[in-house]
Amino acid sequence: MDSYNFMTPTIEGQTRYYWFQLRNIRPDDEALSKMMSEDVHHAFEEDRDVLNEVQRGMTNKTSPHIDLPIDGGQLRFRRQLQAMINEEEQVDRQMAE
């Protein structure tokens, strides 16, 4: 059984969250299908609750971000993306002059 989840930002403060599972175990077993669907739905709702609270915390920030070593890849990506945005904005300003 494989499980996948991924998020795609749509606009500031809003993201689409996709979550699904594939299985090749007893594919014709309706009871198993029902049980697994209910379990997946329950897990998805738990994730939604946590992600909504994270968004609220980011929107109404009362403390600084805590950068953990495990977040190193994402932090490098954010810094590189911000540098690219800054460079693009600078070029736009120069072109507007």
C-alpha atoms as a PDB file:
ATOM      1  CA  MET A   1       0.000   0.000   0.000  1.00  0.00           C
ATOM      2  CA  ASP A   2       1.304   3.441  -0.938  1.00  0.00           C
ATOM      3  CA  SER A   3       0.232   6.710   0.595  1.00  0.00           C
ATOM      4  CA  TYR A   4       0.823  10.186  -0.782  1.00  0.00           C
ATOM      5  CA  ASN A   5       0.119  13.690   0.396  1.00  0.00           C
ATOM      6  CA  PHE A   6       1.177  17.001  -1.000  1.00  0.00           C
ATOM      7  CA  MET A   7       0.232  20.649  -0.725  1.00  0.00           C
ATOM      8  CA  THR A   8      -0.018  23.272  -3.444  1.00  0.00           C
ATOM      9  CA  PRO A   9      -0.238  26.955  -2.477  1.00  0.00           C
ATOM     10  CA  THR A  10      -2.973  28.787  -4.380  1.00  0.00           C
ATOM     11  CA  ILE A  11      -2.988  32.327  -2.950  1.00  0.00           C
ATOM     12  CA  GLU A  12      -1.539  34.016   0.115  1.00  0.00           C
ATOM     13  CA  GLY A  13      -2.772  32.082   3.167  1.00  0.00           C
ATOM     14  CA  GLN A  14      -4.518  29.336   1.169  1.00  0.00           C
ATOM     15  CA  THR A  15      -3.262  25.928   0.054  1.00  0.00           C
ATOM     16  CA  ARG A  16      -4.814  22.876  -1.552  1.00  0.00           C
ATOM     17  CA  TYR A  17      -3.965  19.669   0.291  1.00  0.00           C
ATOM     18  CA  TYR A  18      -4.100  16.382  -1.596  1.00  0.00           C
ATOM     19  CA  TRP A  19      -3.966  13.086   0.236  1.00  0.00           C
ATOM     20  CA  PHE A  20      -4.570   9.633  -1.188  1.00  0.00           C
ATOM     21  CA  GLN A  21      -3.695   5.960  -0.823  1.00  0.00           C
ATOM     22  CA  LEU A  22      -3.306   3.143  -3.276  1.00  0.00           C
ATOM     23  CA  ARG A  23      -3.703  -0.492  -2.353  1.00  0.00           C
ATOM     24  CA  ASN A  24      -3.491  -3.855  -4.026  1.00  0.00           C
ATOM     25  CA  ILE A  25      -4.531  -5.822  -0.958  1.00  0.00           C
ATOM     26  CA  ARG A  26      -7.934  -7.509  -1.314  1.00  0.00           C
ATOM     27  CA  PRO A  27      -9.193  -4.959  -3.876  1.00  0.00           C
ATOM     28  CA  ASP A  28     -12.658  -6.571  -4.029  1.00  0.00           C
ATOM     29  CA  ASP A  29     -13.203  -6.514  -0.253  1.00  0.00           C
ATOM     30  CA  GLU A  30     -15.886  -3.822   0.264  1.00  0.00           C
ATOM     31  CA  ALA A  31     -15.608  -3.963   4.059  1.00  0.00           C
ATOM     32  CA  LEU A  32     -11.867  -3.347   3.883  1.00  0.00           C
ATOM     33  CA  SER A  33     -12.437  -0.517   1.376  1.00  0.00           C
ATOM     34  CA  LYS A  34     -14.966   1.103   3.694  1.00  0.00           C
ATOM     35  CA  MET A  35     -12.713   0.759   6.744  1.00  0.00           C
ATOM     36  CA  MET A  36      -9.687   2.162   4.927  1.00  0.00           C
ATOM     37  CA  SER A  37     -11.692   5.065   3.475  1.00  0.00           C
ATOM     38  CA  GLU A  38     -12.980   5.963   6.934  1.00  0.00           C
ATOM     39  CA  ASP A  39      -9.474   5.756   8.395  1.00  0.00           C
ATOM     40  CA  VAL A  40      -8.024   7.914   5.616  1.00  0.00           C
ATOM     41  CA  HIS A  41     -10.804  10.480   6.050  1.00  0.00           C
ATOM     42  CA  HIS A  42     -10.188  10.580   9.811  1.00  0.00           C
ATOM     43  CA  ALA A  43      -6.422  11.091   9.306  1.00  0.00           C
ATOM     44  CA  PHE A  44      -7.072  13.793   6.692  1.00  0.00           C
ATOM     45  CA  GLU A  45      -9.373  15.674   9.083  1.00  0.00           C
ATOM     46  CA  GLU A  46      -6.715  15.508  11.804  1.00  0.00           C
ATOM     47  CA  ASP A  47      -4.180  16.922   9.357  1.00  0.00           C
ATOM     48  CA  ARG A  48      -6.614  19.647   8.316  1.00  0.00           C
ATOM     49  CA  ASP A  49      -7.106  20.701  11.945  1.00  0.00           C
ATOM     50  CA  VAL A  50      -3.351  20.920  12.518  1.00  0.00           C
ATOM     51  CA  LEU A  51      -2.680  22.751   9.235  1.00  0.00           C
ATOM     52  CA  ASN A  52      -5.464  25.263   9.921  1.00  0.00           C
ATOM     53  CA  GLU A  53      -3.940  26.022  13.328  1.00  0.00           C
ATOM     54  CA  VAL A  54      -0.489  26.386  11.757  1.00  0.00           C
ATOM     55  CA  GLN A  55      -1.943  28.879   9.254  1.00  0.00           C
ATOM     56  CA  ARG A  56      -3.633  30.821  12.059  1.00  0.00           C
ATOM     57  CA  GLY A  57      -0.316  30.919  13.910  1.00  0.00           C
ATOM     58  CA  MET A  58       1.518  32.155  10.827  1.00  0.00           C
ATOM     59  CA  THR A  59      -1.129  34.790  10.118  1.00  0.00           C
ATOM     60  CA  ASN A  60      -1.245  36.033  13.729  1.00  0.00           C
ATOM     61  CA  LYS A  61       2.398  35.504  14.606  1.00  0.00           C
ATOM     62  CA  THR A  62       3.302  36.296  18.221  1.00  0.00           C
ATOM     63  CA  SER A  63       6.811  34.799  18.247  1.00  0.00           C
ATOM     64  CA  PRO A  64       9.686  34.422  15.767  1.00  0.00           C
ATOM     65  CA  HIS A  65      10.085  31.361  13.555  1.00  0.00           C
ATOM     66  CA  ILE A  66      12.178  28.584  15.034  1.00  0.00           C
ATOM     67  CA  ASP A  67      14.520  27.189  12.377  1.00  0.00           C
ATOM     68  CA  LEU A  68      15.228  23.523  13.030  1.00  0.00           C
ATOM     69  CA  PRO A  69      18.060  21.603  11.353  1.00  0.00           C
ATOM     70  CA  ILE A  70      15.504  19.252   9.774  1.00  0.00           C
ATOM     71  CA  ASP A  71      14.054  22.269   7.920  1.00  0.00           C
ATOM     72  CA  GLY A  72      17.397  23.120   6.280  1.00  0.00           C
ATOM     73  CA  GLY A  73      16.328  22.243   2.727  1.00  0.00           C
ATOM     74  CA  GLN A  74      13.138  24.261   2.888  1.00  0.00           C
ATOM     75  CA  LEU A  75      14.940  27.203   4.481  1.00  0.00           C
ATOM     76  CA  ARG A  76      17.592  27.227   1.732  1.00  0.00           C
ATOM     77  CA  PHE A  77      14.829  27.098  -0.877  1.00  0.00           C
ATOM     78  CA  ARG A  78      12.980  30.019   0.731  1.00  0.00           C
ATOM     79  CA  ARG A  79      16.162  32.101   0.909  1.00  0.00           C
ATOM     80  CA  GLN A  80      17.033  31.374  -2.715  1.00  0.00           C
ATOM     81  CA  LEU A  81      13.482  32.125  -3.840  1.00  0.00           C
ATOM     82  CA  GLN A  82      13.464  35.403  -1.892  1.00  0.00           C
ATOM     83  CA  ALA A  83      16.803  36.361  -3.460  1.00  0.00           C
ATOM     84  CA  MET A  84      15.346  35.697  -6.922  1.00  0.00           C
ATOM     85  CA  ILE A  85      12.238  37.758  -6.107  1.00  0.00           C
ATOM     86  CA  ASN A  86      14.408  40.617  -4.812  1.00  0.00           C
ATOM     87  CA  GLU A  87      16.538  40.524  -7.958  1.00  0.00           C
ATOM     88  CA  GLU A  88      13.459  40.519 -10.183  1.00  0.00           C
ATOM     89  CA  GLU A  89      11.963  43.468  -8.284  1.00  0.00           C
ATOM     90  CA  GLN A  90      15.221  45.387  -8.648  1.00  0.00           C
ATOM     91  CA  VAL A  91      15.242  44.781 -12.410  1.00  0.00           C
ATOM     92  CA  ASP A  92      11.589  45.892 -12.596  1.00  0.00           C
ATOM     93  CA  ARG A  93      12.438  49.134 -10.746  1.00  0.00           C
ATOM     94  CA  GLN A  94      15.382  49.812 -13.030  1.00  0.00           C
ATOM     95  CA  MET A  95      13.273  49.212 -16.127  1.00  0.00           C
ATOM     96  CA  ALA A  96      10.590  51.586 -14.814  1.00  0.00           C
ATOM     97  CA  GLU A  97      13.083  54.453 -14.433  1.00  0.00           C
END
